[in-house]
Each structure stands twice: as C-alpha cells, then as structure tokens.
C-alpha cells in the first residue's frame, strides 16, 4: 500500500495528464506534468508511471471523441442542404 502522499502525487499526475489532452501546446501544463511525473517517480517505477499516463491520455481522448459521436441523434452532425 502506498503512503497517503504517494497517492496524492498519483492523483495529481492523472489529473494533469487528463487536462493536457487537447492542450498539448500549453507550456504551463507541460511543466506541471513534468513536475508531477517526477514526484510520482519517487514512489514507483518509470514503466508504471508511463503506463498510467498513457491510460489517462487514452481515456480522455475517448471521452472527447464520445462527445462528438452523439448516439442519440447522429443526424444532427450531417450538413443540412441550404
């Protein structure tokens, strides 16, 4: 079991990785994520940190794509003739 401060660093890492999706050019988010990765690396191996970051990124990309793929009324997204 990880100590509480390790869990807090994990939470911060995942939160920042999720915020970064769609805002990859934001230097502040990049810097904050780099710091959070450094904090997480104090407690677990680099492979685990990289895997968690990749999973968080994929989950946010999935959520973003699902917003565009509205299942209730997909015809809304078709262009209407003028």
C-alpha atoms as a PDB file:
ATOM      1  CA  UNK A   1       0.000   0.000   0.000  1.00  0.00           C
ATOM      2  CA  UNK A   2       1.315   3.416  -0.937  1.00  0.00           C
ATOM      3  CA  UNK A   3       1.513   6.162   1.680  1.00  0.00           C
ATOM      4  CA  UNK A   4      -1.030   8.976   1.510  1.00  0.00           C
ATOM      5  CA  UNK A   5       1.413  11.482  -0.007  1.00  0.00           C
ATOM      6  CA  UNK A   6       2.203   8.963  -2.768  1.00  0.00           C
ATOM      7  CA  UNK A   7      -1.496   8.613  -3.567  1.00  0.00           C
ATOM      8  CA  UNK A   8      -1.819  12.394  -3.697  1.00  0.00           C
ATOM      9  CA  UNK A   9       1.041  12.576  -6.193  1.00  0.00           C
ATOM     10  CA  UNK A  10      -0.662   9.879  -8.312  1.00  0.00           C
ATOM     11  CA  UNK A  11      -3.927  11.796  -8.251  1.00  0.00           C
ATOM     12  CA  UNK A  12      -2.136  14.981  -9.316  1.00  0.00           C
ATOM     13  CA  UNK A  13      -0.332  13.133 -12.123  1.00  0.00           C
ATOM     14  CA  UNK A  14      -3.519  11.637 -13.578  1.00  0.00           C
ATOM     15  CA  UNK A  15      -5.394  14.924 -13.261  1.00  0.00           C
ATOM     16  CA  UNK A  16      -2.666  16.853 -15.073  1.00  0.00           C
ATOM     17  CA  UNK A  17      -2.341  14.209 -17.786  1.00  0.00           C
ATOM     18  CA  UNK A  18      -6.086  14.408 -18.392  1.00  0.00           C
ATOM     19  CA  UNK A  19      -6.003  18.216 -18.563  1.00  0.00           C
ATOM     20  CA  UNK A  20      -3.174  18.090 -21.080  1.00  0.00           C
ATOM     21  CA  UNK A  21      -5.246  16.204 -23.676  1.00  0.00           C
ATOM     22  CA  UNK A  22      -6.379  18.781 -26.192  1.00  0.00           C
ATOM     23  CA  UNK A  23      -3.969  21.382 -24.821  1.00  0.00           C
ATOM     24  CA  UNK A  24      -0.637  19.809 -25.751  1.00  0.00           C
ATOM     25  CA  UNK A  25       0.944  23.158 -26.636  1.00  0.00           C
ATOM     26  CA  UNK A  26       0.295  24.699 -23.210  1.00  0.00           C
ATOM     27  CA  UNK A  27       3.742  25.150 -21.680  1.00  0.00           C
ATOM     28  CA  UNK A  28       2.383  25.567 -18.157  1.00  0.00           C
ATOM     29  CA  UNK A  29       0.566  22.237 -18.275  1.00  0.00           C
ATOM     30  CA  UNK A  30       3.656  20.579 -19.756  1.00  0.00           C
ATOM     31  CA  UNK A  31       5.801  21.940 -16.934  1.00  0.00           C
ATOM     32  CA  UNK A  32       3.292  20.924 -14.256  1.00  0.00           C
ATOM     33  CA  UNK A  33       3.003  17.422 -15.719  1.00  0.00           C
ATOM     34  CA  UNK A  34       6.770  17.069 -15.783  1.00  0.00           C
ATOM     35  CA  UNK A  35       6.928  18.017 -12.105  1.00  0.00           C
ATOM     36  CA  UNK A  36       4.094  15.605 -11.229  1.00  0.00           C
ATOM     37  CA  UNK A  37       5.873  12.780 -13.062  1.00  0.00           C
ATOM     38  CA  UNK A  38       8.999  13.494 -11.043  1.00  0.00           C
ATOM     39  CA  UNK A  39       7.009  13.291  -7.824  1.00  0.00           C
ATOM     40  CA  UNK A  40       5.367  10.017  -8.872  1.00  0.00           C
ATOM     41  CA  UNK A  41       8.723   8.519  -9.876  1.00  0.00           C
ATOM     42  CA  UNK A  42       9.814   8.793  -6.244  1.00  0.00           C
ATOM     43  CA  UNK A  43       7.328   6.068  -5.341  1.00  0.00           C
ATOM     44  CA  UNK A  44       7.044   3.730  -8.344  1.00  0.00           C
ATOM     45  CA  UNK A  45       8.972   2.597 -11.416  1.00  0.00           C
ATOM     46  CA  UNK A  46       9.126   4.662 -14.604  1.00  0.00           C
ATOM     47  CA  UNK A  47       7.301   1.963 -16.590  1.00  0.00           C
ATOM     48  CA  UNK A  48       4.312   2.198 -14.261  1.00  0.00           C
ATOM     49  CA  UNK A  49       4.223   5.997 -14.451  1.00  0.00           C
ATOM     50  CA  UNK A  50       4.401   5.893 -18.253  1.00  0.00           C
ATOM     51  CA  UNK A  51       1.618   3.288 -18.411  1.00  0.00           C
ATOM     52  CA  UNK A  52      -0.653   5.315 -16.125  1.00  0.00           C
ATOM     53  CA  UNK A  53      -0.037   8.463 -18.179  1.00  0.00           C
ATOM     54  CA  UNK A  54      -0.813   6.643 -21.415  1.00  0.00           C
ATOM     55  CA  UNK A  55      -4.018   5.147 -19.979  1.00  0.00           C
ATOM     56  CA  UNK A  56      -5.167   8.538 -18.698  1.00  0.00           C
ATOM     57  CA  UNK A  57      -4.435  10.098 -22.087  1.00  0.00           C
ATOM     58  CA  UNK A  58      -6.374   7.389 -23.935  1.00  0.00           C
ATOM     59  CA  UNK A  59      -9.348   7.686 -21.567  1.00  0.00           C
ATOM     60  CA  UNK A  60      -9.536  11.448 -22.115  1.00  0.00           C
ATOM     61  CA  UNK A  61      -9.248  11.041 -25.884  1.00  0.00           C
ATOM     62  CA  UNK A  62     -12.067   8.505 -25.722  1.00  0.00           C
ATOM     63  CA  UNK A  63     -14.234  10.878 -23.697  1.00  0.00           C
ATOM     64  CA  UNK A  64     -13.515  13.708 -26.107  1.00  0.00           C
ATOM     65  CA  UNK A  65     -14.402  11.586 -29.130  1.00  0.00           C
ATOM     66  CA  UNK A  66     -17.588  10.334 -27.482  1.00  0.00           C
ATOM     67  CA  UNK A  67     -18.754  13.916 -27.100  1.00  0.00           C
ATOM     68  CA  UNK A  68     -18.577  14.291 -30.870  1.00  0.00           C
ATOM     69  CA  UNK A  69     -20.226  10.940 -31.541  1.00  0.00           C
ATOM     70  CA  UNK A  70     -23.598  11.713 -30.034  1.00  0.00           C
ATOM     71  CA  UNK A  71     -25.518   8.459 -30.164  1.00  0.00           C
ATOM     72  CA  UNK A  72     -28.969   9.916 -29.553  1.00  0.00           C
ATOM     73  CA  UNK A  73     -29.215  11.963 -32.740  1.00  0.00           C
ATOM     74  CA  UNK A  74     -26.271  11.288 -35.069  1.00  0.00           C
ATOM     75  CA  UNK A  75     -28.065  13.002 -37.966  1.00  0.00           C
ATOM     76  CA  UNK A  76     -27.537  16.340 -36.239  1.00  0.00           C
ATOM     77  CA  UNK A  77     -23.936  16.264 -37.415  1.00  0.00           C
ATOM     78  CA  UNK A  78     -24.795  15.856 -41.108  1.00  0.00           C
ATOM     79  CA  UNK A  79     -24.647  19.063 -43.132  1.00  0.00           C
ATOM     80  CA  UNK A  80     -28.072  20.396 -43.986  1.00  0.00           C
ATOM     81  CA  UNK A  81     -28.793  21.481 -47.566  1.00  0.00           C
ATOM     82  CA  UNK A  82     -29.462  25.196 -47.898  1.00  0.00           C
END
